[in-house]
PDB file of N, CA and C in Angstrom:
ATOM      1  N   MET A   1      51.818 -52.771 -39.732  1.00  0.00           N
ATOM      2  CA  MET A   1      51.496 -54.937 -39.948  1.00  0.00           C
ATOM      3  C   MET A   1      50.261 -54.827 -38.984  1.00  0.00           C
ATOM      4  N   ASN A   2      50.765 -54.582 -37.734  1.00  0.00           N
ATOM      5  CA  ASN A   2      48.957 -54.806 -36.782  1.00  0.00           C
ATOM      6  C   ASN A   2      47.750 -54.088 -36.856  1.00  0.00           C
ATOM      7  N   ARG A   3      47.725 -53.372 -37.141  1.00  0.00           N
ATOM      8  CA  ARG A   3      46.573 -52.413 -37.952  1.00  0.00           C
ATOM      9  C   ARG A   3      46.126 -52.834 -38.696  1.00  0.00           C
ATOM     10  N   ASN A   4      46.526 -53.933 -40.188  1.00  0.00           N
ATOM     11  CA  ASN A   4      46.225 -55.052 -40.559  1.00  0.00           C
ATOM     12  C   ASN A   4      45.977 -55.809 -40.407  1.00  0.00           C
ATOM     13  N   ILE A   5      46.524 -56.607 -39.799  1.00  0.00           N
ATOM     14  CA  ILE A   5      45.820 -57.803 -38.788  1.00  0.00           C
ATOM     15  C   ILE A   5      44.494 -57.949 -38.126  1.00  0.00           C
ATOM     16  N   VAL A   6      45.016 -56.356 -37.178  1.00  0.00           N
ATOM     17  CA  VAL A   6      44.081 -56.400 -36.466  1.00  0.00           C
ATOM     18  C   VAL A   6      42.356 -56.084 -37.680  1.00  0.00           C
ATOM     19  N   ARG A   7      42.434 -55.656 -38.146  1.00  0.00           N
ATOM     20  CA  ARG A   7      41.192 -55.034 -39.237  1.00  0.00           C
ATOM     21  C   ARG A   7      40.921 -56.583 -39.624  1.00  0.00           C
ATOM     22  N   THR A   8      41.904 -57.569 -39.957  1.00  0.00           N
ATOM     23  CA  THR A   8      41.225 -58.678 -40.920  1.00  0.00           C
ATOM     24  C   THR A   8      40.461 -59.686 -40.103  1.00  0.00           C
ATOM     25  N   ALA A   9      41.598 -59.507 -38.327  1.00  0.00           N
ATOM     26  CA  ALA A   9      40.875 -60.312 -37.456  1.00  0.00           C
ATOM     27  C   ALA A   9      39.603 -59.731 -37.147  1.00  0.00           C
ATOM     28  N   LYS A  10      39.039 -58.454 -36.602  1.00  0.00           N
ATOM     29  CA  LYS A  10      37.547 -57.894 -36.918  1.00  0.00           C
ATOM     30  C   LYS A  10      36.934 -58.551 -37.438  1.00  0.00           C
ATOM     31  N   ARG A  11      37.121 -58.385 -38.922  1.00  0.00           N
ATOM     32  CA  ARG A  11      36.305 -58.676 -39.598  1.00  0.00           C
ATOM     33  C   ARG A  11      35.582 -60.614 -39.465  1.00  0.00           C
ATOM     34  N   TYR A  12      36.971 -61.305 -39.183  1.00  0.00           N
ATOM     35  CA  TYR A  12      36.352 -62.786 -38.480  1.00  0.00           C
ATOM     36  C   TYR A  12      35.465 -62.659 -37.993  1.00  0.00           C
ATOM     37  N   VAL A  13      36.025 -61.726 -36.604  1.00  0.00           N
ATOM     38  CA  VAL A  13      35.141 -61.943 -35.297  1.00  0.00           C
ATOM     39  C   VAL A  13      33.553 -61.697 -35.664  1.00  0.00           C
ATOM     40  N   GLU A  14      33.137 -60.282 -36.711  1.00  0.00           N
ATOM     41  CA  GLU A  14      32.333 -60.294 -37.010  1.00  0.00           C
ATOM     42  C   GLU A  14      31.817 -61.320 -38.013  1.00  0.00           C
ATOM     43  N   GLU A  15      32.038 -62.224 -38.685  1.00  0.00           N
ATOM     44  CA  GLU A  15      31.512 -63.325 -39.100  1.00  0.00           C
ATOM     45  C   GLU A  15      31.360 -65.121 -38.036  1.00  0.00           C
ATOM     46  N   ASN A  16      31.915 -64.740 -37.120  1.00  0.00           N
ATOM     47  CA  ASN A  16      31.801 -65.417 -36.329  1.00  0.00           C
ATOM     48  C   ASN A  16      33.492 -66.573 -36.927  1.00  0.00           C
ATOM     49  N   ASN A  17      34.115 -66.434 -37.144  1.00  0.00           N
ATOM     50  CA  ASN A  17      34.868 -67.613 -38.205  1.00  0.00           C
ATOM     51  C   ASN A  17      36.070 -67.707 -37.152  1.00  0.00           C
ATOM     52  N   THR A  18      35.810 -68.637 -36.292  1.00  0.00           N
ATOM     53  CA  THR A  18      36.905 -68.905 -35.321  1.00  0.00           C
ATOM     54  C   THR A  18      38.256 -69.932 -36.396  1.00  0.00           C
ATOM     55  N   ILE A  19      37.733 -70.504 -37.789  1.00  0.00           N
ATOM     56  CA  ILE A  19      38.522 -71.514 -38.171  1.00  0.00           C
ATOM     57  C   ILE A  19      39.734 -70.383 -39.013  1.00  0.00           C
ATOM     58  N   MET A  20      39.200 -69.483 -39.255  1.00  0.00           N
ATOM     59  CA  MET A  20      39.945 -68.432 -39.963  1.00  0.00           C
ATOM     60  C   MET A  20      40.855 -67.509 -39.112  1.00  0.00           C
ATOM     61  N   LEU A  21      40.508 -67.474 -37.956  1.00  0.00           N
ATOM     62  CA  LEU A  21      41.040 -66.856 -36.713  1.00  0.00           C
ATOM     63  C   LEU A  21      42.486 -67.556 -36.337  1.00  0.00           C
ATOM     64  N   LYS A  22      41.729 -69.173 -36.106  1.00  0.00           N
ATOM     65  CA  LYS A  22      43.100 -70.220 -36.171  1.00  0.00           C
ATOM     66  C   LYS A  22      44.326 -69.945 -36.907  1.00  0.00           C
ATOM     67  N   ASN A  23      43.551 -69.973 -38.150  1.00  0.00           N
ATOM     68  CA  ASN A  23      45.094 -70.000 -38.964  1.00  0.00           C
ATOM     69  C   ASN A  23      45.474 -68.923 -39.406  1.00  0.00           C
ATOM     70  N   MET A  24      45.057 -67.690 -38.950  1.00  0.00           N
ATOM     71  CA  MET A  24      45.823 -66.201 -38.723  1.00  0.00           C
ATOM     72  C   MET A  24      46.821 -66.317 -37.239  1.00  0.00           C
ATOM     73  N   TYR A  25      46.534 -67.001 -36.132  1.00  0.00           N
ATOM     74  CA  TYR A  25      47.058 -67.020 -35.477  1.00  0.00           C
ATOM     75  C   TYR A  25      48.230 -68.081 -35.991  1.00  0.00           C
ATOM     76  N   LYS A  26      47.859 -69.256 -36.444  1.00  0.00           N
ATOM     77  CA  LYS A  26      49.120 -69.946 -36.455  1.00  0.00           C
ATOM     78  C   LYS A  26      50.124 -69.108 -37.903  1.00  0.00           C
ATOM     79  N   GLU A  27      49.431 -68.433 -38.673  1.00  0.00           N
ATOM     80  CA  GLU A  27      50.587 -67.624 -39.753  1.00  0.00           C
ATOM     81  C   GLU A  27      51.279 -66.475 -39.139  1.00  0.00           C
ATOM     82  N   ILE A  28      51.336 -66.024 -37.939  1.00  0.00           N
ATOM     83  CA  ILE A  28      51.152 -64.550 -36.787  1.00  0.00           C
ATOM     84  C   ILE A  28      52.635 -65.483 -36.067  1.00  0.00           C
ATOM     85  N   SER A  29      52.605 -66.142 -35.323  1.00  0.00           N
ATOM     86  CA  SER A  29      53.689 -66.900 -34.849  1.00  0.00           C
ATOM     87  C   SER A  29      54.478 -67.454 -35.804  1.00  0.00           C
ATOM     88  N   THR A  30      54.474 -68.034 -37.081  1.00  0.00           N
ATOM     89  CA  THR A  30      54.980 -68.666 -37.897  1.00  0.00           C
ATOM     90  C   THR A  30      55.949 -66.903 -38.867  1.00  0.00           C
ATOM     91  N   MET A  31      55.537 -65.944 -38.367  1.00  0.00           N
ATOM     92  CA  MET A  31      55.903 -64.813 -39.118  1.00  0.00           C
ATOM     93  C   MET A  31      58.085 -64.767 -39.266  1.00  0.00           C
ATOM     94  N   ASP A  32      58.255 -64.137 -39.796  1.00  0.00           N
ATOM     95  CA  ASP A  32      59.443 -63.918 -39.624  1.00  0.00           C
ATOM     96  C   ASP A  32      60.046 -62.819 -38.580  1.00  0.00           C
ATOM     97  N   SER A  33      61.127 -62.941 -38.034  1.00  0.00           N
ATOM     98  CA  SER A  33      61.490 -62.148 -36.975  1.00  0.00           C
ATOM     99  C   SER A  33      61.908 -60.745 -37.223  1.00  0.00           C
ATOM    100  N   GLU A  34      61.787 -60.120 -38.885  1.00  0.00           N
ATOM    101  CA  GLU A  34      62.204 -58.915 -38.896  1.00  0.00           C
ATOM    102  C   GLU A  34      60.625 -57.935 -39.305  1.00  0.00           C
ATOM    103  N   TYR A  35      59.304 -59.034 -38.797  1.00  0.00           N
ATOM    104  CA  TYR A  35      58.237 -58.139 -38.597  1.00  0.00           C
ATOM    105  C   TYR A  35      58.605 -58.084 -37.299  1.00  0.00           C
ATOM    106  N   ASN A  36      58.494 -57.025 -36.912  1.00  0.00           N
ATOM    107  CA  ASN A  36      57.347 -56.825 -35.086  1.00  0.00           C
ATOM    108  C   ASN A  36      55.963 -56.849 -35.298  1.00  0.00           C
ATOM    109  N   VAL A  37      55.615 -57.945 -34.849  1.00  0.00           N
ATOM    110  CA  VAL A  37      53.909 -58.135 -34.707  1.00  0.00           C
ATOM    111  C   VAL A  37      53.874 -58.461 -33.003  1.00  0.00           C
ATOM    112  N   ASN A  38      53.286 -57.837 -32.428  1.00  0.00           N
ATOM    113  CA  ASN A  38      52.937 -57.616 -31.304  1.00  0.00           C
ATOM    114  C   ASN A  38      51.589 -58.528 -30.859  1.00  0.00           C
ATOM    115  N   ILE A  39      52.252 -59.765 -31.027  1.00  0.00           N
ATOM    116  CA  ILE A  39      50.379 -60.728 -30.423  1.00  0.00           C
ATOM    117  C   ILE A  39      50.007 -60.130 -29.021  1.00  0.00           C
ATOM    118  N   PRO A  40      50.580 -59.738 -28.148  1.00  0.00           N
ATOM    119  CA  PRO A  40      49.487 -59.558 -27.247  1.00  0.00           C
ATOM    120  C   PRO A  40      48.967 -58.507 -27.149  1.00  0.00           C
ATOM    121  N   SER A  41      49.017 -57.456 -28.010  1.00  0.00           N
ATOM    122  CA  SER A  41      48.113 -56.484 -28.482  1.00  0.00           C
ATOM    123  C   SER A  41      47.336 -56.806 -29.254  1.00  0.00           C
ATOM    124  N   ILE A  42      47.448 -57.144 -30.130  1.00  0.00           N
ATOM    125  CA  ILE A  42      46.723 -58.056 -31.454  1.00  0.00           C
ATOM    126  C   ILE A  42      45.489 -58.961 -30.362  1.00  0.00           C
ATOM    127  N   PHE A  43      45.931 -60.158 -29.532  1.00  0.00           N
ATOM    128  CA  PHE A  43      45.176 -60.445 -28.751  1.00  0.00           C
ATOM    129  C   PHE A  43      44.062 -59.042 -28.250  1.00  0.00           C
ATOM    130  N   LYS A  44      44.533 -58.385 -28.047  1.00  0.00           N
ATOM    131  CA  LYS A  44      43.694 -57.500 -26.783  1.00  0.00           C
ATOM    132  C   LYS A  44      42.592 -56.916 -27.427  1.00  0.00           C
ATOM    133  N   ASP A  45      42.853 -56.438 -28.848  1.00  0.00           N
ATOM    134  CA  ASP A  45      42.322 -55.706 -29.509  1.00  0.00           C
ATOM    135  C   ASP A  45      40.775 -56.211 -30.183  1.00  0.00           C
ATOM    136  N   ILE A  46      40.888 -57.591 -30.647  1.00  0.00           N
ATOM    137  CA  ILE A  46      40.300 -58.814 -30.877  1.00  0.00           C
ATOM    138  C   ILE A  46      38.933 -59.430 -29.980  1.00  0.00           C
ATOM    139  N   PHE A  47      40.054 -59.672 -28.695  1.00  0.00           N
ATOM    140  CA  PHE A  47      38.909 -60.228 -28.020  1.00  0.00           C
ATOM    141  C   PHE A  47      38.540 -58.986 -27.337  1.00  0.00           C
ATOM    142  N   LEU A  48      38.665 -58.057 -27.190  1.00  0.00           N
ATOM    143  CA  LEU A  48      37.296 -56.771 -26.725  1.00  0.00           C
ATOM    144  C   LEU A  48      36.888 -56.537 -27.471  1.00  0.00           C
ATOM    145  N   HIS A  49      37.055 -56.788 -29.379  1.00  0.00           N
ATOM    146  CA  HIS A  49      36.053 -56.648 -30.199  1.00  0.00           C
ATOM    147  C   HIS A  49      35.226 -57.640 -30.204  1.00  0.00           C
ATOM    148  N   ALA A  50      35.593 -58.611 -29.609  1.00  0.00           N
ATOM    149  CA  ALA A  50      34.275 -60.090 -29.651  1.00  0.00           C
ATOM    150  C   ALA A  50      33.676 -59.465 -28.207  1.00  0.00           C
ATOM    151  N   CYS A  51      33.930 -59.265 -26.979  1.00  0.00           N
ATOM    152  CA  CYS A  51      33.164 -58.780 -26.283  1.00  0.00           C
ATOM    153  C   CYS A  51      32.306 -57.597 -26.609  1.00  0.00           C
ATOM    154  N   LEU A  52      32.516 -56.651 -27.336  1.00  0.00           N
ATOM    155  CA  LEU A  52      31.599 -55.401 -27.640  1.00  0.00           C
ATOM    156  C   LEU A  52      30.478 -55.979 -28.607  1.00  0.00           C
ATOM    157  N   ARG A  53      30.971 -56.942 -29.550  1.00  0.00           N
ATOM    158  CA  ARG A  53      30.293 -57.342 -30.621  1.00  0.00           C
ATOM    159  C   ARG A  53      28.999 -58.919 -29.971  1.00  0.00           C
ATOM    160  N   GLY A  54      29.645 -59.425 -28.547  1.00  0.00           N
ATOM    161  CA  GLY A  54      28.974 -60.202 -27.909  1.00  0.00           C
ATOM    162  C   GLY A  54      29.078 -61.482 -28.715  1.00  0.00           C
ATOM    163  N   GLU A  55      30.053 -62.191 -28.759  1.00  0.00           N
ATOM    164  CA  GLU A  55      30.494 -63.297 -29.821  1.00  0.00           C
ATOM    165  C   GLU A  55      31.133 -64.577 -28.947  1.00  0.00           C
ATOM    166  N   THR A  56      30.261 -64.774 -28.364  1.00  0.00           N
ATOM    167  CA  THR A  56      30.535 -65.686 -26.977  1.00  0.00           C
ATOM    168  C   THR A  56      30.908 -66.875 -27.615  1.00  0.00           C
ATOM    169  N   GLU A  57      31.213 -67.660 -28.983  1.00  0.00           N
ATOM    170  CA  GLU A  57      31.957 -68.424 -29.199  1.00  0.00           C
ATOM    171  C   GLU A  57      33.308 -67.766 -29.400  1.00  0.00           C
ATOM    172  N   VAL A  58      33.271 -66.578 -29.834  1.00  0.00           N
ATOM    173  CA  VAL A  58      34.633 -66.009 -30.815  1.00  0.00           C
ATOM    174  C   VAL A  58      35.615 -65.981 -29.151  1.00  0.00           C
ATOM    175  N   ILE A  59      35.268 -65.525 -27.937  1.00  0.00           N
ATOM    176  CA  ILE A  59      35.159 -65.417 -26.769  1.00  0.00           C
ATOM    177  C   ILE A  59      36.408 -65.991 -25.996  1.00  0.00           C
ATOM    178  N   THR A  60      34.926 -67.245 -26.326  1.00  0.00           N
ATOM    179  CA  THR A  60      35.570 -69.281 -25.121  1.00  0.00           C
ATOM    180  C   THR A  60      37.145 -69.429 -26.201  1.00  0.00           C
ATOM    181  N   PHE A  61      37.015 -69.360 -27.556  1.00  0.00           N
ATOM    182  CA  PHE A  61      37.848 -69.950 -28.551  1.00  0.00           C
ATOM    183  C   PHE A  61      39.219 -68.882 -28.075  1.00  0.00           C
ATOM    184  N   LEU A  62      38.986 -67.278 -27.659  1.00  0.00           N
ATOM    185  CA  LEU A  62      40.434 -66.725 -27.603  1.00  0.00           C
ATOM    186  C   LEU A  62      40.918 -67.059 -26.359  1.00  0.00           C
ATOM    187  N   MET A  63      40.312 -67.464 -25.933  1.00  0.00           N
ATOM    188  CA  MET A  63      40.217 -67.600 -24.069  1.00  0.00           C
ATOM    189  C   MET A  63      41.647 -69.153 -23.899  1.00  0.00           C
ATOM    190  N   ARG A  64      41.668 -69.628 -24.970  1.00  0.00           N
ATOM    191  CA  ARG A  64      42.430 -70.429 -24.932  1.00  0.00           C
ATOM    192  C   ARG A  64      44.174 -70.107 -25.362  1.00  0.00           C
ATOM    193  N   PHE A  65      44.097 -69.296 -26.382  1.00  0.00           N
ATOM    194  CA  PHE A  65      45.195 -68.431 -26.609  1.00  0.00           C
ATOM    195  C   PHE A  65      45.418 -68.019 -26.109  1.00  0.00           C
ATOM    196  N   TYR A  66      44.364 -67.279 -24.321  1.00  0.00           N
ATOM    197  CA  TYR A  66      45.294 -66.542 -23.622  1.00  0.00           C
ATOM    198  C   TYR A  66      46.124 -67.575 -23.004  1.00  0.00           C
ATOM    199  N   PHE A  67      45.755 -68.866 -22.491  1.00  0.00           N
ATOM    200  CA  PHE A  67      46.564 -69.800 -21.858  1.00  0.00           C
ATOM    201  C   PHE A  67      47.791 -69.985 -22.314  1.00  0.00           C
ATOM    202  N   GLU A  68      48.161 -69.690 -23.001  1.00  0.00           N
ATOM    203  CA  GLU A  68      49.552 -70.089 -23.946  1.00  0.00           C
ATOM    204  C   GLU A  68      50.092 -69.123 -23.931  1.00  0.00           C
ATOM    205  N   PHE A  69      49.824 -67.759 -23.641  1.00  0.00           N
ATOM    206  CA  PHE A  69      50.750 -66.465 -23.590  1.00  0.00           C
ATOM    207  C   PHE A  69      51.858 -67.205 -22.382  1.00  0.00           C
ATOM    208  N   ASP A  70      52.806 -66.438 -22.265  1.00  0.00           N
ATOM    209  CA  ASP A  70      53.870 -66.448 -20.951  1.00  0.00           C
ATOM    210  C   ASP A  70      53.192 -66.138 -19.293  1.00  0.00           C
ATOM    211  N   ASP A  71      53.283 -66.553 -18.808  1.00  0.00           N
ATOM    212  CA  ASP A  71      52.573 -65.449 -17.050  1.00  0.00           C
ATOM    213  C   ASP A  71      52.967 -64.259 -17.119  1.00  0.00           C
ATOM    214  N   ILE A  72      53.712 -63.675 -17.273  1.00  0.00           N
ATOM    215  CA  ILE A  72      54.036 -62.066 -17.306  1.00  0.00           C
ATOM    216  C   ILE A  72      53.372 -61.062 -18.165  1.00  0.00           C
ATOM    217  N   THR A  73      53.140 -61.894 -19.739  1.00  0.00           N
ATOM    218  CA  THR A  73      51.968 -61.683 -20.661  1.00  0.00           C
ATOM    219  C   THR A  73      50.494 -61.518 -19.754  1.00  0.00           C
ATOM    220  N   GLN A  74      50.310 -62.977 -19.306  1.00  0.00           N
ATOM    221  CA  GLN A  74      48.774 -63.258 -18.927  1.00  0.00           C
ATOM    222  C   GLN A  74      48.679 -61.962 -17.536  1.00  0.00           C
ATOM    223  N   VAL A  75      49.823 -61.951 -16.662  1.00  0.00           N
ATOM    224  CA  VAL A  75      49.393 -60.848 -15.799  1.00  0.00           C
ATOM    225  C   VAL A  75      49.574 -59.598 -16.505  1.00  0.00           C
ATOM    226  N   LEU A  76      49.815 -58.669 -17.374  1.00  0.00           N
ATOM    227  CA  LEU A  76      49.467 -57.874 -18.677  1.00  0.00           C
ATOM    228  C   LEU A  76      48.145 -57.784 -18.840  1.00  0.00           C
ATOM    229  N   LEU A  77      47.813 -59.159 -19.300  1.00  0.00           N
ATOM    230  CA  LEU A  77      46.485 -59.076 -20.481  1.00  0.00           C
ATOM    231  C   LEU A  77      45.180 -58.799 -19.085  1.00  0.00           C
ATOM    232  N   ARG A  78      45.372 -59.449 -17.714  1.00  0.00           N
ATOM    233  CA  ARG A  78      44.609 -60.084 -16.865  1.00  0.00           C
ATOM    234  C   ARG A  78      43.543 -58.337 -16.532  1.00  0.00           C
ATOM    235  N   GLN A  79      43.861 -57.158 -16.546  1.00  0.00           N
ATOM    236  CA  GLN A  79      43.308 -56.175 -16.678  1.00  0.00           C
ATOM    237  C   GLN A  79      42.227 -55.693 -17.552  1.00  0.00           C
ATOM    238  N   MET A  80      42.551 -56.444 -18.750  1.00  0.00           N
ATOM    239  CA  MET A  80      41.383 -55.947 -19.972  1.00  0.00           C
ATOM    240  C   MET A  80      40.239 -57.318 -18.970  1.00  0.00           C
ATOM    241  N   PHE A  81      39.877 -57.962 -18.535  1.00  0.00           N
ATOM    242  CA  PHE A  81      38.657 -58.972 -18.603  1.00  0.00           C
ATOM    243  C   PHE A  81      38.033 -58.113 -18.188  1.00  0.00           C
ATOM    244  N   PRO A  82      37.660 -57.716 -16.695  1.00  0.00           N
ATOM    245  CA  PRO A  82      36.829 -56.723 -16.507  1.00  0.00           C
ATOM    246  C   PRO A  82      36.215 -55.578 -17.040  1.00  0.00           C
ATOM    247  N   TYR A  83      36.881 -55.191 -18.158  1.00  0.00           N
ATOM    248  CA  TYR A  83      36.581 -54.307 -18.879  1.00  0.00           C
ATOM    249  C   TYR A  83      35.773 -54.702 -20.434  1.00  0.00           C
ATOM    250  N   GLY A  84      36.483 -55.742 -20.438  1.00  0.00           N
ATOM    251  CA  GLY A  84      35.050 -56.699 -21.274  1.00  0.00           C
ATOM    252  C   GLY A  84      34.178 -56.969 -20.697  1.00  0.00           C
ATOM    253  N   LYS A  85      33.380 -57.238 -19.838  1.00  0.00           N
ATOM    254  CA  LYS A  85      32.401 -56.992 -18.887  1.00  0.00           C
ATOM    255  C   LYS A  85      31.589 -55.856 -19.361  1.00  0.00           C
ATOM    256  N   TYR A  86      32.743 -54.487 -19.342  1.00  0.00           N
ATOM    257  CA  TYR A  86      32.112 -53.718 -19.118  1.00  0.00           C
ATOM    258  C   TYR A  86      31.550 -52.993 -20.336  1.00  0.00           C
ATOM    259  N   ILE A  87      32.270 -53.259 -21.538  1.00  0.00           N
ATOM    260  CA  ILE A  87      31.959 -52.924 -22.895  1.00  0.00           C
ATOM    261  C   ILE A  87      30.216 -53.927 -23.099  1.00  0.00           C
ATOM    262  N   MET A  88      30.259 -54.624 -22.739  1.00  0.00           N
ATOM    263  CA  MET A  88      29.776 -55.933 -23.069  1.00  0.00           C
ATOM    264  C   MET A  88      28.291 -55.699 -22.896  1.00  0.00           C
ATOM    265  N   SER A  89      27.681 -56.255 -23.828  1.00  0.00           N
ATOM    266  CA  SER A  89      25.733 -56.009 -24.022  1.00  0.00           C
ATOM    267  C   SER A  89      25.170 -56.510 -22.678  1.00  0.00           C
ATOM    268  N   PRO A  90      24.097 -56.310 -21.614  1.00  0.00           N
ATOM    269  CA  PRO A  90      23.904 -56.307 -20.331  1.00  0.00           C
ATOM    270  C   PRO A  90      23.517 -57.964 -20.714  1.00  0.00           C
ATOM    271  N   SER A  91      23.053 -58.223 -21.443  1.00  0.00           N
ATOM    272  CA  SER A  91      22.451 -59.703 -21.820  1.00  0.00           C
ATOM    273  C   SER A  91      23.595 -60.648 -21.926  1.00  0.00           C
ATOM    274  N   PHE A  92      25.092 -60.623 -22.278  1.00  0.00           N
ATOM    275  CA  PHE A  92      25.885 -61.816 -22.193  1.00  0.00           C
ATOM    276  C   PHE A  92      27.154 -61.081 -20.608  1.00  0.00           C
ATOM    277  N   THR A  93      26.196 -60.268 -19.381  1.00  0.00           N
ATOM    278  CA  THR A  93      27.151 -59.813 -18.719  1.00  0.00           C
ATOM    279  C   THR A  93      26.885 -61.560 -18.002  1.00  0.00           C
ATOM    280  N   TYR A  94      26.537 -61.929 -17.858  1.00  0.00           N
ATOM    281  CA  TYR A  94      25.509 -62.794 -17.003  1.00  0.00           C
ATOM    282  C   TYR A  94      26.581 -64.578 -17.003  1.00  0.00           C
ATOM    283  N   TRP A  95      26.739 -64.776 -18.710  1.00  0.00           N
ATOM    284  CA  TRP A  95      27.506 -65.343 -18.871  1.00  0.00           C
ATOM    285  C   TRP A  95      28.892 -65.167 -19.110  1.00  0.00           C
ATOM    286  N   TYR A  96      29.684 -63.762 -19.302  1.00  0.00           N
ATOM    287  CA  TYR A  96      30.552 -63.487 -18.413  1.00  0.00           C
ATOM    288  C   TYR A  96      31.300 -64.095 -17.615  1.00  0.00           C
ATOM    289  N   ASP A  97      30.325 -63.729 -16.452  1.00  0.00           N
ATOM    290  CA  ASP A  97      30.646 -63.662 -15.575  1.00  0.00           C
ATOM    291  C   ASP A  97      30.850 -65.170 -14.917  1.00  0.00           C
ATOM    292  N   ARG A  98      30.305 -66.039 -15.788  1.00  0.00           N
ATOM    293  CA  ARG A  98      29.673 -67.542 -14.671  1.00  0.00           C
ATOM    294  C   ARG A  98      30.856 -68.587 -15.516  1.00  0.00           C
ATOM    295  N   ASN A  99      31.512 -67.687 -17.319  1.00  0.00           N
ATOM    296  CA  ASN A  99      32.228 -68.607 -17.935  1.00  0.00           C
ATOM    297  C   ASN A  99      33.752 -68.204 -17.800  1.00  0.00           C
ATOM    298  N   ILE A 100      33.996 -66.924 -17.791  1.00  0.00           N
ATOM    299  CA  ILE A 100      35.250 -66.198 -18.068  1.00  0.00           C
ATOM    300  C   ILE A 100      35.894 -65.534 -17.047  1.00  0.00           C
ATOM    301  N   LEU A 101      35.283 -64.726 -16.345  1.00  0.00           N
ATOM    302  CA  LEU A 101      36.159 -63.903 -14.840  1.00  0.00           C
ATOM    303  C   LEU A 101      36.690 -65.087 -14.273  1.00  0.00           C
ATOM    304  N   PRO A 102      35.893 -66.185 -14.005  1.00  0.00           N
ATOM    305  CA  PRO A 102      36.321 -67.277 -12.813  1.00  0.00           C
ATOM    306  C   PRO A 102      37.919 -67.578 -13.870  1.00  0.00           C
ATOM    307  N   LEU A 103      37.712 -68.019 -15.114  1.00  0.00           N
ATOM    308  CA  LEU A 103      39.351 -68.287 -15.214  1.00  0.00           C
ATOM    309  C   LEU A 103      40.110 -67.729 -15.066  1.00  0.00           C
ATOM    310  N   VAL A 104      40.382 -66.071 -15.130  1.00  0.00           N
ATOM    311  CA  VAL A 104      41.428 -65.208 -14.628  1.00  0.00           C
ATOM    312  C   VAL A 104      41.529 -64.841 -13.344  1.00  0.00           C
ATOM    313  N   ARG A 105      40.221 -65.286 -12.397  1.00  0.00           N
ATOM    314  CA  ARG A 105      40.639 -64.755 -11.123  1.00  0.00           C
ATOM    315  C   ARG A 105      41.886 -64.655 -10.604  1.00  0.00           C
ATOM    316  N   VAL A 106      42.651 -64.025  -9.389  1.00  0.00           N
ATOM    317  CA  VAL A 106      43.475 -64.780  -9.457  1.00  0.00           C
ATOM    318  C   VAL A 106      43.934 -65.427  -8.052  1.00  0.00           C
ATOM    319  N   LYS A 107      44.247 -66.772  -7.570  1.00  0.00           N
ATOM    320  CA  LYS A 107      43.910 -67.517  -6.761  1.00  0.00           C
ATOM    321  C   LYS A 107      44.820 -67.297  -5.373  1.00  0.00           C
TER     322      LYS A 107
END
């Protein structure tokens, strides 16, 4: 189940389709509890794919969902942000440094 969701979401990232990503998130969050959907894991895979592709609009869009997670999940996901910068194209790292990393720094 998770694999299919990630595959579809990656296609939306490549299309820069934030509307479909938002619809997908709503659909996943309202699924029956009989499906074991690991939303933080899906978020991580989609976020890192957006970093790899350099989709700044999608990255900004996904940051909104990051702040909707509970504190423990945010702490667990925080480690992926430096890696997102590492896999990103050098032409986008300045943007990432200025817009994303300050949002997740420990204060």
